[in-house]
Amino acid sequence: MGAQIRVYRQKIASTTSMRKIFKAMELIATSRIGKARARVAASLPYANAITRAVSAVASQSEIDHPLTTEPENIRRAAVLVITSDRGLAGSYSASVLKQAEGLNELLRAEGKEVKTYLVGRKAQAYFDFRGRSYGGVWTGGTDAPEFATAQEIGATLLKDFATDYEEDGVDEIHVVYTRFKSMVTQEPTVIRLLPLEVVDEQPASESDLLPLYEFEPESEQVLDALLPRYIESRIFAAMLQAAASELAARQRAMKSAGDNATDLIKKYTRLRNTARQAEITQELSEIVAGADALAS
């Protein structure tokens, strides 16, 4: 009986230590998510402005630009998958990878090859474990992304988009990431970057008309300058959304883990007390039995 009590005490001590870790990680995620949400909000004006500029150039000029023209035959598609570097965030990375697998199946069903690019160690581990190849990987700082990383990713994707199919190039580019909606809602999302689909980060009002531009130099040169920046801003916006979603998911997962640890501590404490009461009852019974034996 004494050994059983010691086991429960050890379980209570270890669970209490784990609860402290969960609480610390919850507080860290809570303190960082405010900054992550502020970065998402701060990125919207630039993303909206460059989106409107690209929309105006693409809609007001009749040009045949490779970044805005739909190919007749799409043979290979690039898929950029944005996950996290670390775990302990619930099903955050698993949901993104599931969405990416669904997109891959859809593209292959359409007769397209898929070339995958990865952001985050979770995606890299997922593909390495299954022995699947990928075109590029970027790890480190998924919960605090840097614009330089988005520029590097954008340059790699644009380079492969400009490369012919026979030289391992791609004909279209998709991005799979988690869109941050609220602290309790984060949604895995798929967007197509190229060929260009202009989508505002925030819906515009009916009276918010596109401005008229006079192009100097030609509109083709304007697009050549604008589209790389547009792609970089869209990728960076997706990375910021994913970072905020990761922190929200981690905060929620750590709170749930802490609550479960508290329930386990209560359970083990109750079992320990029950075992202790049984031990005391047994000792009293032995004392009474011994006294009766001496009296008789």
C-alpha atoms as a PDB file:
ATOM      1  CA  MET A   1       0.000   0.000   0.000  1.00  0.00           C
ATOM      2  CA  GLY A   2       2.873   2.365   0.811  1.00  0.00           C
ATOM      3  CA  ALA A   3       4.426   1.718  -2.601  1.00  0.00           C
ATOM      4  CA  GLN A   4       1.151   2.654  -4.269  1.00  0.00           C
ATOM      5  CA  ILE A   5       1.057   5.946  -2.385  1.00  0.00           C
ATOM      6  CA  ARG A   6       4.626   6.714  -3.505  1.00  0.00           C
ATOM      7  CA  VAL A   7       3.655   6.064  -7.128  1.00  0.00           C
ATOM      8  CA  TYR A   8       0.770   8.524  -6.903  1.00  0.00           C
ATOM      9  CA  ARG A   9       3.019  11.136  -5.261  1.00  0.00           C
ATOM     10  CA  GLN A  10       5.537  10.777  -8.096  1.00  0.00           C
ATOM     11  CA  LYS A  11       2.764  11.139 -10.689  1.00  0.00           C
ATOM     12  CA  ILE A  12       1.437  14.250  -8.947  1.00  0.00           C
ATOM     13  CA  ALA A  13       4.913  15.804  -8.838  1.00  0.00           C
ATOM     14  CA  SER A  14       5.683  15.075 -12.500  1.00  0.00           C
ATOM     15  CA  THR A  15       2.263  16.287 -13.688  1.00  0.00           C
ATOM     16  CA  THR A  16       2.654  19.477 -11.634  1.00  0.00           C
ATOM     17  CA  SER A  17       6.006  20.149 -13.331  1.00  0.00           C
ATOM     18  CA  MET A  18       4.449  19.588 -16.765  1.00  0.00           C
ATOM     19  CA  ARG A  19       1.589  21.923 -15.905  1.00  0.00           C
ATOM     20  CA  LYS A  20       4.090  24.669 -15.096  1.00  0.00           C
ATOM     21  CA  ILE A  21       5.705  24.181 -18.515  1.00  0.00           C
ATOM     22  CA  PHE A  22       2.331  24.272 -20.268  1.00  0.00           C
ATOM     23  CA  LYS A  23       1.377  27.436 -18.395  1.00  0.00           C
ATOM     24  CA  ALA A  24       4.679  29.114 -19.294  1.00  0.00           C
ATOM     25  CA  MET A  25       4.274  28.243 -22.995  1.00  0.00           C
ATOM     26  CA  GLU A  26       0.675  29.483 -22.918  1.00  0.00           C
ATOM     27  CA  LEU A  27       1.784  32.812 -21.454  1.00  0.00           C
ATOM     28  CA  ILE A  28       4.593  33.151 -24.017  1.00  0.00           C
ATOM     29  CA  ALA A  29       2.206  32.465 -26.908  1.00  0.00           C
ATOM     30  CA  THR A  30      -0.348  34.892 -25.452  1.00  0.00           C
ATOM     31  CA  SER A  31       2.257  37.644 -25.110  1.00  0.00           C
ATOM     32  CA  ARG A  32       3.525  37.163 -28.690  1.00  0.00           C
ATOM     33  CA  ILE A  33       0.218  36.827 -30.487  1.00  0.00           C
ATOM     34  CA  GLY A  34      -0.601  40.506 -29.992  1.00  0.00           C
ATOM     35  CA  LYS A  35       2.535  41.498 -31.892  1.00  0.00           C
ATOM     36  CA  ALA A  36       1.797  38.894 -34.587  1.00  0.00           C
ATOM     37  CA  ARG A  37      -1.712  40.268 -35.108  1.00  0.00           C
ATOM     38  CA  ALA A  38      -0.323  43.800 -35.244  1.00  0.00           C
ATOM     39  CA  ARG A  39       2.140  42.737 -37.974  1.00  0.00           C
ATOM     40  CA  VAL A  40      -0.748  41.214 -39.960  1.00  0.00           C
ATOM     41  CA  ALA A  41      -2.709  44.463 -39.681  1.00  0.00           C
ATOM     42  CA  ALA A  42       0.359  46.549 -40.574  1.00  0.00           C
ATOM     43  CA  SER A  43       0.997  44.521 -43.729  1.00  0.00           C
ATOM     44  CA  LEU A  44      -2.496  45.093 -45.150  1.00  0.00           C
ATOM     45  CA  PRO A  45      -2.108  48.712 -46.422  1.00  0.00           C
ATOM     46  CA  TYR A  46       0.933  47.863 -48.545  1.00  0.00           C
ATOM     47  CA  ALA A  47      -0.606  44.590 -49.756  1.00  0.00           C
ATOM     48  CA  ASN A  48      -3.835  46.363 -50.691  1.00  0.00           C
ATOM     49  CA  ALA A  49      -2.020  49.220 -52.416  1.00  0.00           C
ATOM     50  CA  ILE A  50       0.190  47.007 -54.570  1.00  0.00           C
ATOM     51  CA  THR A  51      -2.782  44.734 -55.313  1.00  0.00           C
ATOM     52  CA  ARG A  52      -4.756  47.720 -56.581  1.00  0.00           C
ATOM     53  CA  ALA A  53      -1.810  48.878 -58.649  1.00  0.00           C
ATOM     54  CA  VAL A  54      -1.349  45.470 -60.277  1.00  0.00           C
ATOM     55  CA  SER A  55      -5.114  45.228 -60.816  1.00  0.00           C
ATOM     56  CA  ALA A  56      -5.137  48.592 -62.546  1.00  0.00           C
ATOM     57  CA  VAL A  57      -2.217  47.749 -64.813  1.00  0.00           C
ATOM     58  CA  ALA A  58      -3.618  44.321 -65.688  1.00  0.00           C
ATOM     59  CA  SER A  59      -7.155  45.593 -66.338  1.00  0.00           C
ATOM     60  CA  GLN A  60      -6.352  48.835 -68.174  1.00  0.00           C
ATOM     61  CA  SER A  61      -3.763  47.440 -70.558  1.00  0.00           C
ATOM     62  CA  GLU A  62      -4.282  44.748 -73.166  1.00  0.00           C
ATOM     63  CA  ILE A  63      -0.961  42.980 -72.991  1.00  0.00           C
ATOM     64  CA  ASP A  64       0.140  39.374 -73.261  1.00  0.00           C
ATOM     65  CA  HIS A  65       2.345  39.074 -70.185  1.00  0.00           C
ATOM     66  CA  PRO A  66       3.503  35.593 -69.054  1.00  0.00           C
ATOM     67  CA  LEU A  67       2.602  36.316 -65.432  1.00  0.00           C
ATOM     68  CA  THR A  68      -0.986  37.292 -66.234  1.00  0.00           C
ATOM     69  CA  THR A  69      -1.793  34.961 -69.146  1.00  0.00           C
ATOM     70  CA  GLU A  70      -3.304  31.532 -68.550  1.00  0.00           C
ATOM     71  CA  PRO A  71      -1.219  28.845 -70.306  1.00  0.00           C
ATOM     72  CA  GLU A  72      -3.036  26.613 -72.756  1.00  0.00           C
ATOM     73  CA  ASN A  73      -1.550  23.467 -71.215  1.00  0.00           C
ATOM     74  CA  ILE A  74      -0.575  23.438 -67.534  1.00  0.00           C
ATOM     75  CA  ARG A  75       1.700  20.427 -67.038  1.00  0.00           C
ATOM     76  CA  ARG A  76       3.423  21.110 -63.704  1.00  0.00           C
ATOM     77  CA  ALA A  77       2.184  23.067 -60.683  1.00  0.00           C
ATOM     78  CA  ALA A  78       4.200  24.410 -57.766  1.00  0.00           C
ATOM     79  CA  VAL A  79       2.697  24.164 -54.267  1.00  0.00           C
ATOM     80  CA  LEU A  80       4.169  26.212 -51.417  1.00  0.00           C
ATOM     81  CA  VAL A  81       3.201  24.683 -48.041  1.00  0.00           C
ATOM     82  CA  ILE A  82       3.588  26.905 -44.954  1.00  0.00           C
ATOM     83  CA  THR A  83       3.728  25.052 -41.612  1.00  0.00           C
ATOM     84  CA  SER A  84       5.516  25.591 -38.281  1.00  0.00           C
ATOM     85  CA  ASP A  85       9.004  24.820 -37.056  1.00  0.00           C
ATOM     86  CA  ARG A  86       7.841  23.542 -33.661  1.00  0.00           C
ATOM     87  CA  GLY A  87       5.064  21.354 -32.367  1.00  0.00           C
ATOM     88  CA  LEU A  88       2.841  21.728 -29.296  1.00  0.00           C
ATOM     89  CA  ALA A  89       0.330  23.659 -31.400  1.00  0.00           C
ATOM     90  CA  GLY A  90      -2.468  21.125 -31.620  1.00  0.00           C
ATOM     91  CA  SER A  91      -3.433  20.123 -35.156  1.00  0.00           C
ATOM     92  CA  TYR A  92      -2.088  23.314 -36.736  1.00  0.00           C
ATOM     93  CA  SER A  93       0.569  21.773 -39.009  1.00  0.00           C
ATOM     94  CA  ALA A  94      -1.441  18.593 -39.579  1.00  0.00           C
ATOM     95  CA  SER A  95      -4.393  20.616 -40.901  1.00  0.00           C
ATOM     96  CA  VAL A  96      -2.172  22.499 -43.376  1.00  0.00           C
ATOM     97  CA  LEU A  97      -0.520  19.291 -44.575  1.00  0.00           C
ATOM     98  CA  LYS A  98      -3.936  17.645 -44.993  1.00  0.00           C
ATOM     99  CA  GLN A  99      -5.090  20.606 -47.092  1.00  0.00           C
ATOM    100  CA  ALA A 100      -1.911  20.374 -49.174  1.00  0.00           C
ATOM    101  CA  GLU A 101      -2.420  16.643 -49.751  1.00  0.00           C
ATOM    102  CA  GLY A 102      -5.959  17.327 -50.943  1.00  0.00           C
ATOM    103  CA  LEU A 103      -4.678  19.975 -53.354  1.00  0.00           C
ATOM    104  CA  ASN A 104      -1.985  17.604 -54.648  1.00  0.00           C
ATOM    105  CA  GLU A 105      -4.568  14.897 -55.314  1.00  0.00           C
ATOM    106  CA  LEU A 106      -6.762  17.412 -57.157  1.00  0.00           C
ATOM    107  CA  LEU A 107      -3.882  18.620 -59.324  1.00  0.00           C
ATOM    108  CA  ARG A 108      -2.775  15.080 -60.170  1.00  0.00           C
ATOM    109  CA  ALA A 109      -6.358  14.179 -61.030  1.00  0.00           C
ATOM    110  CA  GLU A 110      -6.232  17.025 -63.573  1.00  0.00           C
ATOM    111  CA  GLY A 111      -3.129  15.453 -65.129  1.00  0.00           C
ATOM    112  CA  LYS A 112      -0.625  17.899 -63.621  1.00  0.00           C
ATOM    113  CA  GLU A 113       2.698  17.125 -62.003  1.00  0.00           C
ATOM    114  CA  VAL A 114       3.282  18.653 -58.557  1.00  0.00           C
ATOM    115  CA  LYS A 115       6.493  20.286 -57.363  1.00  0.00           C
ATOM    116  CA  THR A 116       6.380  21.104 -53.666  1.00  0.00           C
ATOM    117  CA  TYR A 117       8.154  23.854 -51.741  1.00  0.00           C
ATOM    118  CA  LEU A 118       8.150  23.766 -47.946  1.00  0.00           C
ATOM    119  CA  VAL A 119       8.241  26.314 -45.145  1.00  0.00           C
ATOM    120  CA  GLY A 120       8.753  24.957 -41.617  1.00  0.00           C
ATOM    121  CA  ARG A 121      10.447  21.917 -40.111  1.00  0.00           C
ATOM    122  CA  LYS A 122       7.133  20.105 -39.636  1.00  0.00           C
ATOM    123  CA  ALA A 123       6.527  20.003 -43.388  1.00  0.00           C
ATOM    124  CA  GLN A 124      10.135  18.986 -44.009  1.00  0.00           C
ATOM    125  CA  ALA A 125       9.894  16.135 -41.483  1.00  0.00           C
ATOM    126  CA  TYR A 126       6.582  15.021 -43.020  1.00  0.00           C
ATOM    127  CA  PHE A 127       8.084  14.749 -46.518  1.00  0.00           C
ATOM    128  CA  ASP A 128      11.422  13.300 -45.372  1.00  0.00           C
ATOM    129  CA  PHE A 129       9.689  10.561 -43.384  1.00  0.00           C
ATOM    130  CA  ARG A 130       7.761   9.511 -46.488  1.00  0.00           C
ATOM    131  CA  GLY A 131      10.792   9.756 -48.760  1.00  0.00           C
ATOM    132  CA  ARG A 132       9.187  12.395 -50.979  1.00  0.00           C
ATOM    133  CA  SER A 133      11.197  15.035 -52.814  1.00  0.00           C
ATOM    134  CA  TYR A 134      10.635  18.787 -52.734  1.00  0.00           C
ATOM    135  CA  GLY A 135      11.932  21.729 -54.720  1.00  0.00           C
ATOM    136  CA  GLY A 136      13.058  23.852 -51.768  1.00  0.00           C
ATOM    137  CA  VAL A 137      12.706  24.257 -48.012  1.00  0.00           C
ATOM    138  CA  TRP A 138      12.930  27.236 -45.652  1.00  0.00           C
ATOM    139  CA  THR A 139      13.062  26.708 -41.888  1.00  0.00           C
ATOM    140  CA  GLY A 140      13.500  28.910 -38.849  1.00  0.00           C
ATOM    141  CA  GLY A 141      11.349  31.738 -37.524  1.00  0.00           C
ATOM    142  CA  THR A 142       7.945  30.559 -38.706  1.00  0.00           C
ATOM    143  CA  ASP A 143       6.347  32.244 -35.665  1.00  0.00           C
ATOM    144  CA  ALA A 144       8.144  35.516 -36.484  1.00  0.00           C
ATOM    145  CA  PRO A 145       8.692  35.574 -40.287  1.00  0.00           C
ATOM    146  CA  GLU A 146      11.086  37.998 -41.947  1.00  0.00           C
ATOM    147  CA  PHE A 147      10.476  39.768 -45.253  1.00  0.00           C
ATOM    148  CA  ALA A 148      13.885  38.629 -46.518  1.00  0.00           C
ATOM    149  CA  THR A 149      12.634  35.029 -46.355  1.00  0.00           C
ATOM    150  CA  ALA A 150       9.535  35.959 -48.371  1.00  0.00           C
ATOM    151  CA  GLN A 151      11.767  37.656 -50.945  1.00  0.00           C
ATOM    152  CA  GLU A 152      13.926  34.533 -51.242  1.00  0.00           C
ATOM    153  CA  ILE A 153      10.871  32.301 -51.636  1.00  0.00           C
ATOM    154  CA  GLY A 154       9.334  34.649 -54.192  1.00  0.00           C
ATOM    155  CA  ALA A 155      12.541  34.803 -56.217  1.00  0.00           C
ATOM    156  CA  THR A 156      12.791  30.997 -56.266  1.00  0.00           C
ATOM    157  CA  LEU A 157       9.171  30.554 -57.350  1.00  0.00           C
ATOM    158  CA  LEU A 158       9.392  33.245 -60.036  1.00  0.00           C
ATOM    159  CA  LYS A 159      12.597  31.729 -61.372  1.00  0.00           C
ATOM    160  CA  ASP A 160      10.975  28.293 -61.687  1.00  0.00           C
ATOM    161  CA  PHE A 161       7.845  29.885 -63.190  1.00  0.00           C
ATOM    162  CA  ALA A 162       9.969  31.524 -65.876  1.00  0.00           C
ATOM    163  CA  THR A 163      11.758  28.219 -66.600  1.00  0.00           C
ATOM    164  CA  ASP A 164      10.514  25.896 -69.320  1.00  0.00           C
ATOM    165  CA  TYR A 165       8.739  22.676 -68.402  1.00  0.00           C
ATOM    166  CA  GLU A 166      11.510  20.577 -69.946  1.00  0.00           C
ATOM    167  CA  GLU A 167      14.012  22.224 -67.576  1.00  0.00           C
ATOM    168  CA  ASP A 168      11.965  21.421 -64.431  1.00  0.00           C
ATOM    169  CA  GLY A 169       9.972  24.650 -64.562  1.00  0.00           C
ATOM    170  CA  VAL A 170       6.373  25.142 -63.385  1.00  0.00           C
ATOM    171  CA  ASP A 171       3.290  26.562 -65.104  1.00  0.00           C
ATOM    172  CA  GLU A 172       1.324  27.735 -62.043  1.00  0.00           C
ATOM    173  CA  ILE A 173       1.957  28.445 -58.360  1.00  0.00           C
ATOM    174  CA  HIS A 174      -0.285  27.693 -55.371  1.00  0.00           C
ATOM    175  CA  VAL A 175       0.167  28.577 -51.697  1.00  0.00           C
ATOM    176  CA  VAL A 176      -1.264  26.546 -48.797  1.00  0.00           C
ATOM    177  CA  TYR A 177      -1.292  28.346 -45.448  1.00  0.00           C
ATOM    178  CA  THR A 178      -3.506  29.001 -42.420  1.00  0.00           C
ATOM    179  CA  ARG A 179      -5.603  32.160 -42.510  1.00  0.00           C
ATOM    180  CA  PHE A 180      -6.047  33.866 -39.136  1.00  0.00           C
ATOM    181  CA  LYS A 181      -9.674  34.802 -38.549  1.00  0.00           C
ATOM    182  CA  SER A 182      -9.863  35.060 -34.759  1.00  0.00           C
ATOM    183  CA  MET A 183      -8.282  33.641 -31.627  1.00  0.00           C
ATOM    184  CA  VAL A 184     -10.519  30.586 -31.865  1.00  0.00           C
ATOM    185  CA  THR A 185     -10.762  30.227 -35.651  1.00  0.00           C
ATOM    186  CA  GLN A 186      -7.870  29.564 -38.023  1.00  0.00           C
ATOM    187  CA  GLU A 187      -8.654  28.157 -41.458  1.00  0.00           C
ATOM    188  CA  PRO A 188      -6.325  26.245 -43.819  1.00  0.00           C
ATOM    189  CA  THR A 189      -6.490  28.129 -47.118  1.00  0.00           C
ATOM    190  CA  VAL A 190      -5.323  27.622 -50.712  1.00  0.00           C
ATOM    191  CA  ILE A 191      -4.633  30.532 -53.060  1.00  0.00           C
ATOM    192  CA  ARG A 192      -3.210  30.593 -56.577  1.00  0.00           C
ATOM    193  CA  LEU A 193      -0.475  33.160 -57.056  1.00  0.00           C
ATOM    194  CA  LEU A 194       0.393  32.644 -60.721  1.00  0.00           C
ATOM    195  CA  PRO A 195      -0.909  33.005 -63.345  1.00  0.00           C
ATOM    196  CA  LEU A 196      -2.053  36.161 -61.651  1.00  0.00           C
ATOM    197  CA  GLU A 197      -5.303  36.154 -59.742  1.00  0.00           C
ATOM    198  CA  VAL A 198      -5.663  39.565 -58.121  1.00  0.00           C
ATOM    199  CA  VAL A 199      -7.368  39.238 -54.750  1.00  0.00           C
ATOM    200  CA  ASP A 200      -7.539  42.059 -52.202  1.00  0.00           C
ATOM    201  CA  GLU A 201      -6.575  41.226 -48.641  1.00  0.00           C
ATOM    202  CA  GLN A 202      -9.649  43.209 -47.575  1.00  0.00           C
ATOM    203  CA  PRO A 203     -12.871  43.556 -49.584  1.00  0.00           C
ATOM    204  CA  ALA A 204     -13.266  46.931 -51.268  1.00  0.00           C
ATOM    205  CA  SER A 205     -16.518  48.894 -51.235  1.00  0.00           C
ATOM    206  CA  GLU A 206     -18.591  49.352 -54.370  1.00  0.00           C
ATOM    207  CA  SER A 207     -17.531  52.981 -54.666  1.00  0.00           C
ATOM    208  CA  ASP A 208     -13.836  52.097 -54.330  1.00  0.00           C
ATOM    209  CA  LEU A 209     -12.952  52.227 -58.002  1.00  0.00           C
ATOM    210  CA  LEU A 210      -9.544  51.499 -59.453  1.00  0.00           C
ATOM    211  CA  PRO A 211      -7.527  54.615 -60.327  1.00  0.00           C
ATOM    212  CA  LEU A 212      -6.569  55.448 -63.887  1.00  0.00           C
ATOM    213  CA  TYR A 213      -2.869  55.347 -64.698  1.00  0.00           C
ATOM    214  CA  GLU A 214      -0.717  56.685 -67.486  1.00  0.00           C
ATOM    215  CA  PHE A 215       2.153  54.267 -68.017  1.00  0.00           C
ATOM    216  CA  GLU A 216       5.702  55.498 -68.376  1.00  0.00           C
ATOM    217  CA  PRO A 217       7.495  53.384 -69.544  1.00  0.00           C
ATOM    218  CA  GLU A 218       5.306  50.744 -71.211  1.00  0.00           C
ATOM    219  CA  SER A 219       2.829  48.672 -69.196  1.00  0.00           C
ATOM    220  CA  GLU A 220       4.891  45.510 -69.779  1.00  0.00           C
ATOM    221  CA  GLN A 221       7.830  47.085 -67.976  1.00  0.00           C
ATOM    222  CA  VAL A 222       5.556  48.294 -65.198  1.00  0.00           C
ATOM    223  CA  LEU A 223       4.275  44.761 -64.707  1.00  0.00           C
ATOM    224  CA  ASP A 224       7.809  43.391 -64.745  1.00  0.00           C
ATOM    225  CA  ALA A 225       8.615  45.713 -61.840  1.00  0.00           C
ATOM    226  CA  LEU A 226       5.335  45.351 -59.917  1.00  0.00           C
ATOM    227  CA  LEU A 227       4.628  41.625 -60.097  1.00  0.00           C
ATOM    228  CA  PRO A 228       7.712  40.392 -58.197  1.00  0.00           C
ATOM    229  CA  ARG A 229       6.870  42.811 -55.386  1.00  0.00           C
ATOM    230  CA  TYR A 230       3.257  41.712 -55.551  1.00  0.00           C
ATOM    231  CA  ILE A 231       4.248  38.058 -55.208  1.00  0.00           C
ATOM    232  CA  GLU A 232       6.606  38.849 -52.323  1.00  0.00           C
ATOM    233  CA  SER A 233       3.891  40.790 -50.497  1.00  0.00           C
ATOM    234  CA  ARG A 234       1.346  37.990 -50.956  1.00  0.00           C
ATOM    235  CA  ILE A 235       3.793  35.367 -49.693  1.00  0.00           C
ATOM    236  CA  PHE A 236       4.818  37.543 -46.737  1.00  0.00           C
ATOM    237  CA  ALA A 237       1.164  38.228 -45.900  1.00  0.00           C
ATOM    238  CA  ALA A 238       0.504  34.466 -45.939  1.00  0.00           C
ATOM    239  CA  MET A 239       3.503  33.865 -43.668  1.00  0.00           C
ATOM    240  CA  LEU A 240       2.284  36.524 -41.219  1.00  0.00           C
ATOM    241  CA  GLN A 241      -1.203  35.016 -41.200  1.00  0.00           C
ATOM    242  CA  ALA A 242       0.323  31.584 -40.591  1.00  0.00           C
ATOM    243  CA  ALA A 243       2.483  32.921 -37.742  1.00  0.00           C
ATOM    244  CA  ALA A 244      -0.516  34.455 -35.972  1.00  0.00           C
ATOM    245  CA  SER A 245      -2.470  31.222 -36.493  1.00  0.00           C
ATOM    246  CA  GLU A 246       0.412  29.148 -35.116  1.00  0.00           C
ATOM    247  CA  LEU A 247       0.638  31.225 -31.936  1.00  0.00           C
ATOM    248  CA  ALA A 248      -3.135  31.152 -31.441  1.00  0.00           C
ATOM    249  CA  ALA A 249      -3.183  27.380 -31.930  1.00  0.00           C
ATOM    250  CA  ARG A 250      -0.272  26.942 -29.501  1.00  0.00           C
ATOM    251  CA  GLN A 251      -1.904  29.155 -26.887  1.00  0.00           C
ATOM    252  CA  ARG A 252      -5.129  27.184 -27.144  1.00  0.00           C
ATOM    253  CA  ALA A 253      -3.333  23.814 -27.097  1.00  0.00           C
ATOM    254  CA  MET A 254      -1.243  24.746 -24.049  1.00  0.00           C
ATOM    255  CA  LYS A 255      -4.315  25.972 -22.173  1.00  0.00           C
ATOM    256  CA  SER A 256      -6.064  22.692 -22.919  1.00  0.00           C
ATOM    257  CA  ALA A 257      -2.976  20.732 -21.827  1.00  0.00           C
ATOM    258  CA  GLY A 258      -2.759  22.736 -18.600  1.00  0.00           C
ATOM    259  CA  ASP A 259      -6.429  22.093 -17.855  1.00  0.00           C
ATOM    260  CA  ASN A 260      -5.951  18.371 -18.485  1.00  0.00           C
ATOM    261  CA  ALA A 261      -2.917  18.360 -16.186  1.00  0.00           C
ATOM    262  CA  THR A 262      -4.997  19.987 -13.448  1.00  0.00           C
ATOM    263  CA  ASP A 263      -7.657  17.285 -13.851  1.00  0.00           C
ATOM    264  CA  LEU A 264      -4.983  14.580 -13.649  1.00  0.00           C
ATOM    265  CA  ILE A 265      -3.541  16.093 -10.481  1.00  0.00           C
ATOM    266  CA  LYS A 266      -6.998  16.086  -8.890  1.00  0.00           C
ATOM    267  CA  LYS A 267      -7.498  12.475  -9.948  1.00  0.00           C
ATOM    268  CA  TYR A 268      -4.125  11.313  -8.609  1.00  0.00           C
ATOM    269  CA  THR A 269      -4.661  13.252  -5.378  1.00  0.00           C
ATOM    270  CA  ARG A 270      -8.007  11.550  -4.863  1.00  0.00           C
ATOM    271  CA  LEU A 271      -6.490   8.124  -5.547  1.00  0.00           C
ATOM    272  CA  ARG A 272      -3.607   8.862  -3.184  1.00  0.00           C
ATOM    273  CA  ASN A 273      -5.993   9.901  -0.438  1.00  0.00           C
ATOM    274  CA  THR A 274      -8.090   6.790  -1.012  1.00  0.00           C
ATOM    275  CA  ALA A 275      -4.995   4.598  -0.772  1.00  0.00           C
ATOM    276  CA  ARG A 276      -3.882   6.428   2.382  1.00  0.00           C
ATOM    277  CA  GLN A 277      -7.304   5.985   3.985  1.00  0.00           C
ATOM    278  CA  ALA A 278      -7.259   2.277   3.137  1.00  0.00           C
ATOM    279  CA  GLU A 279      -3.801   1.988   4.696  1.00  0.00           C
ATOM    280  CA  ILE A 280      -4.968   3.745   7.891  1.00  0.00           C
ATOM    281  CA  THR A 281      -8.070   1.550   8.050  1.00  0.00           C
ATOM    282  CA  GLN A 282      -5.921  -1.570   7.697  1.00  0.00           C
ATOM    283  CA  GLU A 283      -3.548  -0.381  10.434  1.00  0.00           C
ATOM    284  CA  LEU A 284      -6.453   0.332  12.795  1.00  0.00           C
ATOM    285  CA  SER A 285      -7.943  -3.090  12.071  1.00  0.00           C
ATOM    286  CA  GLU A 286      -4.625  -4.741  12.902  1.00  0.00           C
ATOM    287  CA  ILE A 287      -4.316  -2.757  16.138  1.00  0.00           C
ATOM    288  CA  VAL A 288      -7.865  -3.685  17.240  1.00  0.00           C
ATOM    289  CA  ALA A 289      -7.312  -7.324  16.323  1.00  0.00           C
ATOM    290  CA  GLY A 290      -4.084  -7.378  18.330  1.00  0.00           C
ATOM    291  CA  ALA A 291      -5.761  -5.775  21.351  1.00  0.00           C
ATOM    292  CA  ASP A 292      -8.590  -8.296  21.231  1.00  0.00           C
ATOM    293  CA  ALA A 293      -6.086 -11.121  21.040  1.00  0.00           C
ATOM    294  CA  LEU A 294      -4.235  -9.852  24.125  1.00  0.00           C
ATOM    295  CA  ALA A 295      -7.464  -9.326  26.046  1.00  0.00           C
ATOM    296  CA  SER A 296      -8.648 -12.848  25.360  1.00  0.00           C
END
